[in-house]
Amino acid sequence: MTKWTKDEPPVERSDPEPELSPYQQAMRQRLLAAPVVPAPEPWQRTAYAPVGGLLGIGFASHPGTGHDLVMVVSTDGHGLFDAVTGEKIARDRDADPEETSRDADPALWCPGLGPVAGSRVRIAGLFGGGLHTTSGDGWMLEVVPPTWPNERVLLSRDGGLPHSGPHGERWWHIFHSHYSELRAAGFSPSGQTLAVATSSDLSLWTRGGPGGKGADR
């Protein structure tokens, strides 16, 4: 039989956080010392778009051109970008609340626009979800917070942390989210597009061309 009392159990004192080891300190200093640099070839930056109140992004494929498309969901509606050209090709400022409800489906999604109207696009961002962190042919993306909450996006071809080689040869610090909250970062399913979204903007890089074929394949 359970006996109920008015006394609450004493609050346990948490152990102090252990200090970083010399190895961890050295890795942190390497990350802090790496400046933001352009993504290496064959990656090309195709877009930087201010998007106030950005909540999340997702990928689709253009049924006609094969280009990667990026769906952007914000507090001001939905937008669709062509990742190869960087152009915004569709806009919906009055999305149906029932259609966009994140409770309508176990996975986060939103209705497609323009050339992908009638489909659903999975979204990663503020409410959960995730994008691909590898391209399928050797490229890797990592988000690291050596000065949390400011996060940095690293692109690499060396298998990921601890990045033993020099910065700018096999790993590159391509984005520093020091001014807004990072929402999502990752590759498209095709591996031809790289997107980084914060609460205030969208950045896109591509190595794809017409038909979605990469320049380094």
N, C-alpha and C. Protein backbone atom coordinates (compact mmCIF):
# COMPACT_ATOMS: atom_id res chain seq x y z
N MET A 1 0.85 -1.19 0.00
CA MET A 1 0.00 0.00 0.00
C MET A 1 0.88 1.24 0.00
N THR A 2 0.55 2.20 -0.87
CA THR A 2 1.33 3.42 -0.98
C THR A 2 0.88 4.43 0.06
N LYS A 3 1.83 4.97 0.77
CA LYS A 3 1.53 5.97 1.78
C LYS A 3 1.89 7.34 1.24
N TRP A 4 0.89 8.23 1.19
CA TRP A 4 1.12 9.56 0.65
C TRP A 4 1.50 10.51 1.78
N THR A 5 2.49 11.33 1.55
CA THR A 5 2.90 12.32 2.54
C THR A 5 2.97 13.69 1.88
N LYS A 6 3.04 14.71 2.69
CA LYS A 6 3.15 16.09 2.18
C LYS A 6 4.60 16.49 1.95
N ASP A 7 5.50 15.66 2.41
CA ASP A 7 6.91 16.01 2.28
C ASP A 7 7.43 15.62 0.90
N GLU A 8 8.13 16.55 0.26
CA GLU A 8 8.75 16.27 -1.02
C GLU A 8 10.15 15.74 -0.81
N PRO A 9 10.61 14.87 -1.71
CA PRO A 9 11.97 14.37 -1.56
C PRO A 9 12.98 15.50 -1.70
N PRO A 10 14.09 15.41 -0.99
CA PRO A 10 15.11 16.47 -1.09
C PRO A 10 15.66 16.58 -2.50
N VAL A 11 15.99 17.79 -2.90
CA VAL A 11 16.55 18.03 -4.23
C VAL A 11 17.99 17.58 -4.24
N GLU A 12 18.32 16.69 -5.19
CA GLU A 12 19.68 16.21 -5.28
C GLU A 12 20.58 17.27 -5.90
N ARG A 13 21.78 17.40 -5.38
CA ARG A 13 22.74 18.34 -5.93
C ARG A 13 23.45 17.70 -7.12
N SER A 14 23.43 18.41 -8.23
CA SER A 14 24.06 17.87 -9.43
C SER A 14 25.57 18.05 -9.35
N ASP A 15 26.27 17.12 -9.94
CA ASP A 15 27.72 17.21 -9.97
C ASP A 15 28.14 18.33 -10.91
N PRO A 16 29.21 19.02 -10.62
CA PRO A 16 29.68 20.08 -11.53
C PRO A 16 30.08 19.50 -12.88
N GLU A 17 29.86 20.29 -13.93
CA GLU A 17 30.21 19.86 -15.28
C GLU A 17 31.73 19.67 -15.38
N PRO A 18 32.18 18.54 -15.88
CA PRO A 18 33.63 18.34 -15.99
C PRO A 18 34.25 19.31 -16.99
N GLU A 19 35.48 19.70 -16.74
CA GLU A 19 36.17 20.60 -17.64
C GLU A 19 36.55 19.87 -18.92
N LEU A 20 36.72 20.64 -19.99
CA LEU A 20 37.14 20.04 -21.25
C LEU A 20 38.54 19.47 -21.11
N SER A 21 38.74 18.32 -21.75
CA SER A 21 40.07 17.72 -21.76
C SER A 21 40.97 18.53 -22.68
N PRO A 22 42.28 18.36 -22.59
CA PRO A 22 43.18 19.07 -23.51
C PRO A 22 42.84 18.79 -24.98
N TYR A 23 42.45 17.55 -25.29
CA TYR A 23 42.06 17.21 -26.67
C TYR A 23 40.82 18.00 -27.09
N GLN A 24 39.81 18.07 -26.20
CA GLN A 24 38.60 18.81 -26.52
C GLN A 24 38.87 20.31 -26.64
N GLN A 25 39.72 20.82 -25.78
CA GLN A 25 40.06 22.24 -25.85
C GLN A 25 40.76 22.57 -27.16
N ALA A 26 41.67 21.67 -27.58
CA ALA A 26 42.38 21.91 -28.83
C ALA A 26 41.42 21.88 -30.02
N MET A 27 40.46 20.94 -30.01
CA MET A 27 39.49 20.87 -31.10
C MET A 27 38.63 22.12 -31.13
N ARG A 28 38.19 22.57 -29.96
CA ARG A 28 37.36 23.77 -29.89
C ARG A 28 38.12 24.97 -30.44
N GLN A 29 39.39 25.10 -30.08
CA GLN A 29 40.18 26.23 -30.56
C GLN A 29 40.37 26.17 -32.08
N ARG A 30 40.51 24.97 -32.64
CA ARG A 30 40.63 24.83 -34.10
C ARG A 30 39.36 25.30 -34.79
N LEU A 31 38.21 24.95 -34.22
CA LEU A 31 36.94 25.37 -34.81
C LEU A 31 36.77 26.88 -34.69
N LEU A 32 37.14 27.44 -33.56
CA LEU A 32 37.01 28.89 -33.36
C LEU A 32 37.94 29.67 -34.29
N ALA A 33 39.09 29.09 -34.59
CA ALA A 33 40.07 29.78 -35.42
C ALA A 33 39.76 29.72 -36.91
N ALA A 34 38.86 28.82 -37.31
CA ALA A 34 38.57 28.65 -38.74
C ALA A 34 37.61 29.74 -39.22
N PRO A 35 38.03 30.60 -40.15
CA PRO A 35 37.13 31.65 -40.63
C PRO A 35 36.11 31.08 -41.61
N VAL A 36 35.05 31.85 -41.84
CA VAL A 36 34.08 31.47 -42.86
C VAL A 36 34.73 31.64 -44.23
N VAL A 37 34.63 30.61 -45.06
CA VAL A 37 35.21 30.64 -46.40
C VAL A 37 34.17 30.17 -47.41
N PRO A 38 34.35 30.51 -48.69
CA PRO A 38 33.42 29.99 -49.71
C PRO A 38 33.49 28.47 -49.78
N ALA A 39 32.37 27.85 -50.11
CA ALA A 39 32.38 26.40 -50.33
C ALA A 39 33.28 26.08 -51.52
N PRO A 40 33.99 24.95 -51.47
CA PRO A 40 34.93 24.62 -52.55
C PRO A 40 34.22 24.19 -53.82
N GLU A 41 34.96 24.18 -54.93
CA GLU A 41 34.41 23.63 -56.17
C GLU A 41 34.09 22.16 -55.96
N PRO A 42 33.02 21.67 -56.57
CA PRO A 42 32.18 22.31 -57.59
C PRO A 42 30.99 23.08 -57.02
N TRP A 43 30.96 23.30 -55.69
CA TRP A 43 29.82 23.99 -55.09
C TRP A 43 29.82 25.47 -55.47
N GLN A 44 28.66 25.98 -55.81
CA GLN A 44 28.47 27.39 -56.12
C GLN A 44 27.27 27.91 -55.35
N ARG A 45 27.45 29.06 -54.72
CA ARG A 45 26.34 29.65 -53.98
C ARG A 45 25.38 30.29 -54.97
N THR A 46 24.13 29.87 -54.91
CA THR A 46 23.15 30.37 -55.87
C THR A 46 22.15 31.34 -55.28
N ALA A 47 22.01 31.35 -53.95
CA ALA A 47 20.99 32.23 -53.37
C ALA A 47 21.32 32.57 -51.92
N TYR A 48 21.01 33.82 -51.59
CA TYR A 48 20.88 34.26 -50.20
C TYR A 48 19.59 35.06 -50.17
N ALA A 49 18.59 34.56 -49.45
CA ALA A 49 17.28 35.19 -49.47
C ALA A 49 16.84 35.51 -48.04
N PRO A 50 16.64 36.79 -47.71
CA PRO A 50 16.07 37.12 -46.41
C PRO A 50 14.65 36.58 -46.31
N VAL A 51 14.35 35.88 -45.22
CA VAL A 51 13.01 35.32 -44.99
C VAL A 51 12.69 35.53 -43.51
N GLY A 52 11.96 36.57 -43.21
CA GLY A 52 11.62 36.84 -41.81
C GLY A 52 10.71 35.77 -41.24
N GLY A 53 10.98 35.36 -40.02
CA GLY A 53 10.14 34.37 -39.36
C GLY A 53 10.21 32.99 -39.98
N LEU A 54 11.37 32.65 -40.56
CA LEU A 54 11.50 31.33 -41.20
C LEU A 54 11.36 30.23 -40.15
N LEU A 55 10.53 29.23 -40.46
CA LEU A 55 10.26 28.12 -39.54
C LEU A 55 10.95 26.84 -39.97
N GLY A 56 11.02 26.58 -41.27
CA GLY A 56 11.63 25.34 -41.73
C GLY A 56 11.72 25.30 -43.24
N ILE A 57 12.44 24.29 -43.75
CA ILE A 57 12.61 24.12 -45.19
C ILE A 57 12.51 22.64 -45.54
N GLY A 58 12.27 22.38 -46.81
CA GLY A 58 12.23 21.00 -47.32
C GLY A 58 12.56 20.98 -48.79
N PHE A 59 12.82 19.79 -49.32
CA PHE A 59 13.24 19.64 -50.71
C PHE A 59 12.19 18.92 -51.54
N ALA A 60 12.13 19.30 -52.81
CA ALA A 60 11.32 18.61 -53.81
C ALA A 60 12.10 18.62 -55.12
N SER A 61 11.58 17.96 -56.14
CA SER A 61 12.23 17.91 -57.44
C SER A 61 11.26 18.43 -58.50
N HIS A 62 11.77 19.31 -59.36
CA HIS A 62 10.93 19.87 -60.43
C HIS A 62 10.61 18.76 -61.43
N PRO A 63 9.33 18.51 -61.69
CA PRO A 63 8.97 17.41 -62.59
C PRO A 63 9.39 17.64 -64.03
N GLY A 64 9.66 18.90 -64.41
CA GLY A 64 10.03 19.19 -65.79
C GLY A 64 11.53 19.26 -66.00
N THR A 65 12.22 20.04 -65.16
CA THR A 65 13.66 20.27 -65.35
C THR A 65 14.53 19.30 -64.55
N GLY A 66 13.97 18.70 -63.51
CA GLY A 66 14.76 17.85 -62.63
C GLY A 66 15.54 18.63 -61.60
N HIS A 67 15.44 19.97 -61.61
CA HIS A 67 16.15 20.79 -60.64
C HIS A 67 15.66 20.48 -59.22
N ASP A 68 16.56 20.57 -58.25
CA ASP A 68 16.15 20.56 -56.86
C ASP A 68 15.36 21.82 -56.56
N LEU A 69 14.28 21.68 -55.82
CA LEU A 69 13.48 22.81 -55.36
C LEU A 69 13.54 22.85 -53.84
N VAL A 70 13.48 24.04 -53.28
CA VAL A 70 13.51 24.21 -51.83
C VAL A 70 12.24 24.93 -51.39
N MET A 71 11.45 24.26 -50.56
CA MET A 71 10.26 24.86 -49.98
C MET A 71 10.64 25.55 -48.68
N VAL A 72 10.20 26.78 -48.53
CA VAL A 72 10.46 27.56 -47.31
C VAL A 72 9.13 27.86 -46.62
N VAL A 73 9.05 27.52 -45.35
CA VAL A 73 7.85 27.80 -44.55
C VAL A 73 8.20 28.88 -43.54
N SER A 74 7.40 29.93 -43.50
CA SER A 74 7.65 31.03 -42.57
C SER A 74 6.33 31.48 -41.97
N THR A 75 6.43 32.41 -41.03
CA THR A 75 5.22 32.95 -40.43
C THR A 75 4.42 33.79 -41.43
N ASP A 76 5.01 34.06 -42.59
CA ASP A 76 4.34 34.88 -43.60
C ASP A 76 3.87 34.05 -44.79
N GLY A 77 3.90 32.71 -44.66
CA GLY A 77 3.44 31.86 -45.75
C GLY A 77 4.51 30.91 -46.24
N HIS A 78 4.34 30.46 -47.49
CA HIS A 78 5.25 29.50 -48.10
C HIS A 78 5.89 30.08 -49.36
N GLY A 79 7.12 29.67 -49.63
CA GLY A 79 7.78 30.06 -50.86
C GLY A 79 8.54 28.88 -51.43
N LEU A 80 8.71 28.84 -52.75
CA LEU A 80 9.40 27.75 -53.42
C LEU A 80 10.53 28.33 -54.26
N PHE A 81 11.76 27.83 -54.05
CA PHE A 81 12.95 28.30 -54.75
C PHE A 81 13.50 27.22 -55.66
N ASP A 82 13.99 27.64 -56.82
CA ASP A 82 14.75 26.76 -57.71
C ASP A 82 16.19 26.81 -57.22
N ALA A 83 16.73 25.68 -56.76
CA ALA A 83 18.06 25.67 -56.16
C ALA A 83 19.16 25.92 -57.18
N VAL A 84 18.94 25.60 -58.44
CA VAL A 84 19.96 25.77 -59.47
C VAL A 84 20.09 27.23 -59.89
N THR A 85 18.96 27.91 -60.04
CA THR A 85 18.98 29.32 -60.47
C THR A 85 18.92 30.28 -59.29
N GLY A 86 18.45 29.81 -58.15
CA GLY A 86 18.28 30.67 -56.98
C GLY A 86 17.02 31.50 -57.01
N GLU A 87 16.18 31.32 -58.03
CA GLU A 87 14.97 32.14 -58.18
C GLU A 87 13.83 31.60 -57.33
N LYS A 88 13.01 32.54 -56.82
CA LYS A 88 11.76 32.15 -56.17
C LYS A 88 10.73 31.98 -57.28
N ILE A 89 10.16 30.77 -57.37
CA ILE A 89 9.28 30.48 -58.49
C ILE A 89 7.81 30.35 -58.10
N ALA A 90 7.51 30.34 -56.80
CA ALA A 90 6.12 30.27 -56.36
C ALA A 90 6.02 30.85 -54.95
N ARG A 91 4.83 31.38 -54.64
CA ARG A 91 4.62 32.04 -53.34
C ARG A 91 3.18 31.84 -52.91
N ASP A 92 2.95 31.59 -51.65
CA ASP A 92 1.60 31.47 -51.10
C ASP A 92 1.59 32.15 -49.73
N ARG A 93 0.96 33.32 -49.68
CA ARG A 93 0.90 34.06 -48.41
C ARG A 93 -0.31 33.67 -47.57
N ASP A 94 -1.23 32.92 -48.13
CA ASP A 94 -2.46 32.57 -47.42
C ASP A 94 -2.65 31.07 -47.39
N ALA A 95 -1.68 30.36 -46.81
CA ALA A 95 -1.79 28.91 -46.72
C ALA A 95 -2.95 28.51 -45.81
N ASP A 96 -3.63 27.44 -46.20
CA ASP A 96 -4.76 26.93 -45.44
C ASP A 96 -4.25 26.40 -44.10
N PRO A 97 -4.72 26.95 -42.96
CA PRO A 97 -4.23 26.47 -41.67
C PRO A 97 -4.42 24.97 -41.46
N GLU A 98 -5.52 24.40 -42.00
CA GLU A 98 -5.74 22.97 -41.83
C GLU A 98 -4.74 22.16 -42.65
N GLU A 99 -4.38 22.68 -43.82
CA GLU A 99 -3.42 21.99 -44.66
C GLU A 99 -2.01 22.04 -44.09
N THR A 100 -1.68 23.12 -43.40
CA THR A 100 -0.32 23.31 -42.92
C THR A 100 -0.14 22.90 -41.46
N SER A 101 -1.21 22.43 -40.83
CA SER A 101 -1.10 22.03 -39.43
C SER A 101 -0.09 20.91 -39.27
N ARG A 102 0.85 21.06 -38.34
CA ARG A 102 1.85 20.02 -38.11
C ARG A 102 1.26 18.84 -37.36
N ASP A 103 -0.02 18.97 -36.91
CA ASP A 103 -0.67 17.84 -36.25
C ASP A 103 -1.43 16.97 -37.25
N ALA A 104 -1.46 17.38 -38.51
CA ALA A 104 -2.23 16.64 -39.50
C ALA A 104 -1.51 15.40 -40.00
N ASP A 105 -0.22 15.28 -39.72
CA ASP A 105 0.55 14.15 -40.20
C ASP A 105 1.66 13.89 -39.21
N PRO A 106 2.01 12.60 -38.95
CA PRO A 106 3.09 12.32 -38.00
C PRO A 106 4.41 12.95 -38.40
N ALA A 107 4.66 13.11 -39.69
CA ALA A 107 5.89 13.77 -40.16
C ALA A 107 5.55 15.20 -40.54
N LEU A 108 6.48 16.10 -40.38
CA LEU A 108 6.24 17.49 -40.74
C LEU A 108 6.18 17.63 -42.25
N TRP A 109 5.21 18.33 -42.74
CA TRP A 109 5.06 18.49 -44.17
C TRP A 109 4.26 19.75 -44.46
N CYS A 110 4.28 20.17 -45.72
CA CYS A 110 3.40 21.25 -46.16
C CYS A 110 2.99 20.96 -47.60
N PRO A 111 1.88 21.52 -48.06
CA PRO A 111 1.44 21.28 -49.43
C PRO A 111 2.37 21.93 -50.43
N GLY A 112 2.58 21.28 -51.57
CA GLY A 112 3.46 21.81 -52.61
C GLY A 112 2.86 23.00 -53.31
N LEU A 113 3.74 23.79 -53.94
CA LEU A 113 3.33 24.96 -54.70
C LEU A 113 3.82 24.86 -56.14
N GLY A 114 3.26 25.66 -57.01
CA GLY A 114 3.75 25.77 -58.38
C GLY A 114 3.89 24.43 -59.06
N PRO A 115 5.09 24.08 -59.54
CA PRO A 115 5.26 22.83 -60.29
C PRO A 115 5.09 21.57 -59.44
N VAL A 116 5.08 21.69 -58.12
CA VAL A 116 4.88 20.51 -57.27
C VAL A 116 3.57 20.61 -56.50
N ALA A 117 2.62 21.42 -57.01
CA ALA A 117 1.30 21.51 -56.39
C ALA A 117 0.63 20.14 -56.41
N GLY A 118 -0.07 19.82 -55.35
CA GLY A 118 -0.73 18.54 -55.24
C GLY A 118 0.10 17.49 -54.53
N SER A 119 1.35 17.82 -54.22
CA SER A 119 2.22 16.89 -53.50
C SER A 119 2.45 17.41 -52.09
N ARG A 120 3.10 16.59 -51.27
CA ARG A 120 3.48 17.02 -49.93
C ARG A 120 5.00 17.11 -49.85
N VAL A 121 5.47 18.14 -49.17
CA VAL A 121 6.91 18.34 -49.00
C VAL A 121 7.24 18.23 -47.52
N ARG A 122 8.14 17.34 -47.19
CA ARG A 122 8.56 17.20 -45.79
C ARG A 122 9.43 18.39 -45.38
N ILE A 123 9.21 18.86 -44.16
CA ILE A 123 9.86 20.07 -43.67
C ILE A 123 10.68 19.76 -42.43
N ALA A 124 11.87 20.36 -42.35
CA ALA A 124 12.72 20.27 -41.16
C ALA A 124 12.98 21.68 -40.66
N GLY A 125 12.93 21.84 -39.33
CA GLY A 125 13.16 23.17 -38.80
C GLY A 125 12.80 23.30 -37.34
N LEU A 126 12.10 24.35 -37.01
CA LEU A 126 11.81 24.69 -35.63
C LEU A 126 11.05 23.59 -34.90
N PHE A 127 10.15 22.90 -35.60
CA PHE A 127 9.30 21.91 -34.96
C PHE A 127 9.83 20.48 -35.06
N GLY A 128 11.04 20.32 -35.58
CA GLY A 128 11.62 18.98 -35.67
C GLY A 128 11.98 18.61 -37.09
N GLY A 129 12.18 17.32 -37.31
CA GLY A 129 12.58 16.84 -38.63
C GLY A 129 14.07 17.02 -38.84
N GLY A 130 14.55 16.59 -39.99
CA GLY A 130 15.96 16.71 -40.30
C GLY A 130 16.23 16.53 -41.78
N LEU A 131 17.37 17.05 -42.23
CA LEU A 131 17.80 16.93 -43.61
C LEU A 131 18.98 15.97 -43.70
N HIS A 132 19.33 15.56 -44.91
CA HIS A 132 20.45 14.65 -45.12
C HIS A 132 21.76 15.34 -44.70
N THR A 133 22.60 14.63 -43.97
CA THR A 133 23.89 15.18 -43.56
C THR A 133 25.04 14.68 -44.43
N THR A 134 24.76 13.77 -45.35
CA THR A 134 25.76 13.30 -46.30
C THR A 134 25.16 13.32 -47.70
N SER A 135 26.04 13.45 -48.69
CA SER A 135 25.58 13.57 -50.08
C SER A 135 25.46 12.22 -50.78
N GLY A 136 26.05 11.18 -50.21
CA GLY A 136 26.05 9.87 -50.85
C GLY A 136 27.31 9.60 -51.64
N ASP A 137 28.16 10.63 -51.85
CA ASP A 137 29.40 10.42 -52.60
C ASP A 137 30.58 11.13 -51.94
N GLY A 138 30.56 11.18 -50.62
CA GLY A 138 31.74 11.66 -49.90
C GLY A 138 31.65 13.00 -49.22
N TRP A 139 30.67 13.83 -49.57
CA TRP A 139 30.51 15.11 -48.91
C TRP A 139 29.73 14.94 -47.61
N MET A 140 30.11 15.69 -46.58
CA MET A 140 29.45 15.61 -45.28
C MET A 140 29.22 17.02 -44.75
N LEU A 141 28.11 17.17 -44.03
CA LEU A 141 27.77 18.45 -43.41
C LEU A 141 27.62 18.24 -41.91
N GLU A 142 28.21 19.14 -41.14
CA GLU A 142 28.11 19.08 -39.67
C GLU A 142 27.76 20.46 -39.13
N VAL A 143 26.97 20.47 -38.06
CA VAL A 143 26.66 21.70 -37.32
C VAL A 143 27.35 21.59 -35.97
N VAL A 144 28.23 22.55 -35.66
CA VAL A 144 28.99 22.52 -34.41
C VAL A 144 28.76 23.83 -33.66
N PRO A 145 28.69 23.79 -32.31
CA PRO A 145 28.45 25.00 -31.52
C PRO A 145 29.59 25.29 -30.54
N PRO A 146 30.79 25.63 -31.02
CA PRO A 146 31.87 25.89 -30.07
C PRO A 146 31.62 27.11 -29.19
N THR A 147 30.72 28.00 -29.62
CA THR A 147 30.31 29.14 -28.79
C THR A 147 28.78 29.17 -28.75
N TRP A 148 28.18 28.07 -28.26
CA TRP A 148 26.72 27.97 -28.21
C TRP A 148 26.14 29.21 -27.52
N PRO A 149 25.00 29.74 -28.06
CA PRO A 149 24.11 29.16 -29.07
C PRO A 149 24.48 29.50 -30.52
N ASN A 150 25.58 30.18 -30.75
CA ASN A 150 25.98 30.46 -32.13
C ASN A 150 26.55 29.19 -32.75
N GLU A 151 25.94 28.77 -33.88
CA GLU A 151 26.33 27.50 -34.50
C GLU A 151 27.04 27.74 -35.83
N ARG A 152 27.95 26.81 -36.17
CA ARG A 152 28.73 26.89 -37.40
C ARG A 152 28.44 25.67 -38.26
N VAL A 153 28.43 25.87 -39.56
CA VAL A 153 28.17 24.78 -40.50
C VAL A 153 29.47 24.44 -41.21
N LEU A 154 29.87 23.16 -41.12
CA LEU A 154 31.10 22.69 -41.72
C LEU A 154 30.79 21.74 -42.87
N LEU A 155 31.44 21.94 -44.00
CA LEU A 155 31.36 21.05 -45.15
C LEU A 155 32.70 20.33 -45.26
N SER A 156 32.67 19.02 -45.49
CA SER A 156 33.95 18.30 -45.51
C SER A 156 33.91 17.12 -46.46
N ARG A 157 35.12 16.62 -46.75
CA ARG A 157 35.30 15.39 -47.52
C ARG A 157 36.26 14.43 -46.82
N ASP A 158 36.48 14.66 -45.52
CA ASP A 158 37.45 13.85 -44.78
C ASP A 158 36.80 12.92 -43.77
N GLY A 159 35.48 12.72 -43.87
CA GLY A 159 34.80 11.83 -42.95
C GLY A 159 34.26 12.49 -41.71
N GLY A 160 34.44 13.79 -41.57
CA GLY A 160 33.86 14.49 -40.42
C GLY A 160 34.85 14.72 -39.30
N LEU A 161 34.34 15.25 -38.18
CA LEU A 161 35.18 15.53 -37.03
C LEU A 161 36.00 14.30 -36.66
N PRO A 162 37.28 14.53 -36.23
CA PRO A 162 37.87 15.78 -35.75
C PRO A 162 38.58 16.62 -36.80
N HIS A 163 38.48 16.30 -38.09
CA HIS A 163 39.08 17.11 -39.15
C HIS A 163 40.58 17.35 -38.88
N SER A 164 41.34 16.31 -39.04
CA SER A 164 42.76 16.40 -38.71
C SER A 164 43.57 17.24 -39.70
N GLY A 165 43.08 17.37 -40.94
CA GLY A 165 43.81 18.15 -41.94
C GLY A 165 43.58 19.64 -41.79
N PRO A 166 44.33 20.46 -42.54
CA PRO A 166 44.19 21.92 -42.47
C PRO A 166 42.83 22.39 -42.96
N HIS A 167 42.31 23.43 -42.31
CA HIS A 167 41.07 24.05 -42.75
C HIS A 167 41.27 24.62 -44.16
N GLY A 168 40.28 24.40 -45.03
CA GLY A 168 40.37 24.90 -46.39
C GLY A 168 40.91 23.90 -47.39
N GLU A 169 41.29 22.70 -46.91
CA GLU A 169 41.78 21.66 -47.82
C GLU A 169 40.80 20.50 -47.93
N ARG A 170 40.40 19.94 -46.78
CA ARG A 170 39.43 18.85 -46.79
C ARG A 170 38.20 19.16 -45.94
N TRP A 171 38.21 20.30 -45.27
CA TRP A 171 37.02 20.75 -44.54
C TRP A 171 36.96 22.26 -44.57
N TRP A 172 35.74 22.78 -44.60
CA TRP A 172 35.51 24.21 -44.80
C TRP A 172 34.40 24.70 -43.88
N HIS A 173 34.64 25.80 -43.21
CA HIS A 173 33.62 26.47 -42.40
C HIS A 173 32.88 27.42 -43.34
N ILE A 174 31.66 27.04 -43.75
CA ILE A 174 30.98 27.79 -44.80
C ILE A 174 29.88 28.71 -44.30
N PHE A 175 29.50 28.57 -43.01
CA PHE A 175 28.38 29.40 -42.53
C PHE A 175 28.48 29.52 -41.02
N HIS A 176 28.28 30.75 -40.52
CA HIS A 176 28.30 31.01 -39.08
C HIS A 176 26.99 31.70 -38.70
N SER A 177 26.17 31.00 -37.94
CA SER A 177 24.87 31.54 -37.55
C SER A 177 25.02 32.30 -36.23
N HIS A 178 25.65 33.48 -36.30
CA HIS A 178 25.90 34.27 -35.10
C HIS A 178 24.86 35.36 -34.91
N TYR A 179 23.96 35.54 -35.89
CA TYR A 179 23.01 36.64 -35.84
C TYR A 179 21.56 36.17 -35.74
N SER A 180 21.29 34.89 -36.05
CA SER A 180 19.94 34.33 -36.00
C SER A 180 20.03 32.87 -35.59
N GLU A 181 18.90 32.30 -35.19
CA GLU A 181 18.87 30.89 -34.80
C GLU A 181 18.92 29.99 -36.03
N LEU A 182 19.78 29.01 -35.98
CA LEU A 182 19.84 28.05 -37.07
C LEU A 182 18.60 27.17 -37.04
N ARG A 183 17.92 27.03 -38.19
CA ARG A 183 16.71 26.22 -38.27
C ARG A 183 17.00 24.83 -38.84
N ALA A 184 17.78 24.77 -39.92
CA ALA A 184 18.07 23.48 -40.57
C ALA A 184 19.25 23.65 -41.50
N ALA A 185 20.00 22.56 -41.69
CA ALA A 185 21.11 22.56 -42.63
C ALA A 185 21.27 21.14 -43.16
N GLY A 186 21.43 21.00 -44.48
CA GLY A 186 21.60 19.67 -45.03
C GLY A 186 21.56 19.65 -46.54
N PHE A 187 21.73 18.43 -47.07
CA PHE A 187 21.72 18.18 -48.51
C PHE A 187 20.32 17.80 -48.97
N SER A 188 20.07 18.04 -50.24
CA SER A 188 18.87 17.51 -50.88
C SER A 188 19.03 16.01 -51.06
N PRO A 189 17.93 15.26 -51.25
CA PRO A 189 18.05 13.82 -51.49
C PRO A 189 18.95 13.47 -52.67
N SER A 190 19.03 14.35 -53.66
CA SER A 190 19.89 14.10 -54.82
C SER A 190 21.37 14.31 -54.50
N GLY A 191 21.66 15.02 -53.41
CA GLY A 191 23.03 15.36 -53.06
C GLY A 191 23.61 16.52 -53.86
N GLN A 192 22.78 17.14 -54.70
CA GLN A 192 23.27 18.21 -55.57
C GLN A 192 23.08 19.61 -54.99
N THR A 193 22.32 19.72 -53.91
CA THR A 193 22.03 21.01 -53.30
C THR A 193 22.35 20.96 -51.82
N LEU A 194 22.88 22.07 -51.32
CA LEU A 194 23.14 22.25 -49.90
C LEU A 194 22.38 23.49 -49.45
N ALA A 195 21.60 23.36 -48.38
CA ALA A 195 20.79 24.47 -47.89
C ALA A 195 21.08 24.71 -46.42
N VAL A 196 21.13 25.98 -46.04
CA VAL A 196 21.24 26.39 -44.64
C VAL A 196 20.16 27.42 -44.39
N ALA A 197 19.32 27.17 -43.39
CA ALA A 197 18.23 28.08 -43.07
C ALA A 197 18.35 28.56 -41.63
N THR A 198 18.20 29.85 -41.43
CA THR A 198 18.13 30.41 -40.09
C THR A 198 16.74 31.01 -39.91
N SER A 199 16.49 31.59 -38.76
CA SER A 199 15.19 32.20 -38.50
C SER A 199 14.97 33.45 -39.35
N SER A 200 16.02 33.90 -40.08
CA SER A 200 15.87 35.13 -40.86
C SER A 200 16.27 35.02 -42.32
N ASP A 201 16.83 33.87 -42.76
CA ASP A 201 17.27 33.82 -44.15
C ASP A 201 17.52 32.38 -44.62
N LEU A 202 17.66 32.27 -45.92
CA LEU A 202 17.95 30.99 -46.58
C LEU A 202 19.18 31.16 -47.46
N SER A 203 20.13 30.23 -47.36
CA SER A 203 21.31 30.20 -48.23
C SER A 203 21.34 28.88 -48.97
N LEU A 204 21.65 28.94 -50.28
CA LEU A 204 21.68 27.75 -51.11
C LEU A 204 22.99 27.65 -51.88
N TRP A 205 23.51 26.44 -51.96
CA TRP A 205 24.65 26.12 -52.81
C TRP A 205 24.25 24.94 -53.69
N THR A 206 24.77 24.88 -54.91
CA THR A 206 24.47 23.77 -55.79
C THR A 206 25.72 23.33 -56.54
N ARG A 207 25.75 22.09 -56.93
CA ARG A 207 26.75 21.61 -57.88
C ARG A 207 26.02 20.94 -59.04
N GLY A 208 24.72 21.25 -59.14
CA GLY A 208 23.89 20.65 -60.17
C GLY A 208 23.62 21.61 -61.31
N GLY A 209 23.21 21.06 -62.42
CA GLY A 209 22.83 21.86 -63.58
C GLY A 209 21.52 21.35 -64.12
N PRO A 210 21.19 21.64 -65.35
CA PRO A 210 19.96 21.13 -65.95
C PRO A 210 19.88 19.62 -65.82
N GLY A 211 18.72 19.18 -65.37
CA GLY A 211 18.54 17.74 -65.17
C GLY A 211 19.05 17.27 -63.84
N GLY A 212 19.62 18.19 -63.04
CA GLY A 212 20.07 17.85 -61.71
C GLY A 212 21.37 17.07 -61.68
N LYS A 213 22.13 17.06 -62.76
CA LYS A 213 23.39 16.30 -62.79
C LYS A 213 24.52 17.16 -62.23
N GLY A 214 25.29 16.58 -61.35
CA GLY A 214 26.36 17.31 -60.69
C GLY A 214 27.54 17.55 -61.60
N ALA A 215 28.24 18.65 -61.34
CA ALA A 215 29.39 19.02 -62.16
C ALA A 215 30.60 18.13 -61.91
N ASP A 216 30.60 17.37 -60.76
CA ASP A 216 31.77 16.58 -60.44
C ASP A 216 31.52 15.10 -60.58
N ARG A 217 30.47 14.73 -61.24
CA ARG A 217 30.18 13.30 -61.41
C ARG A 217 30.75 12.80 -62.71
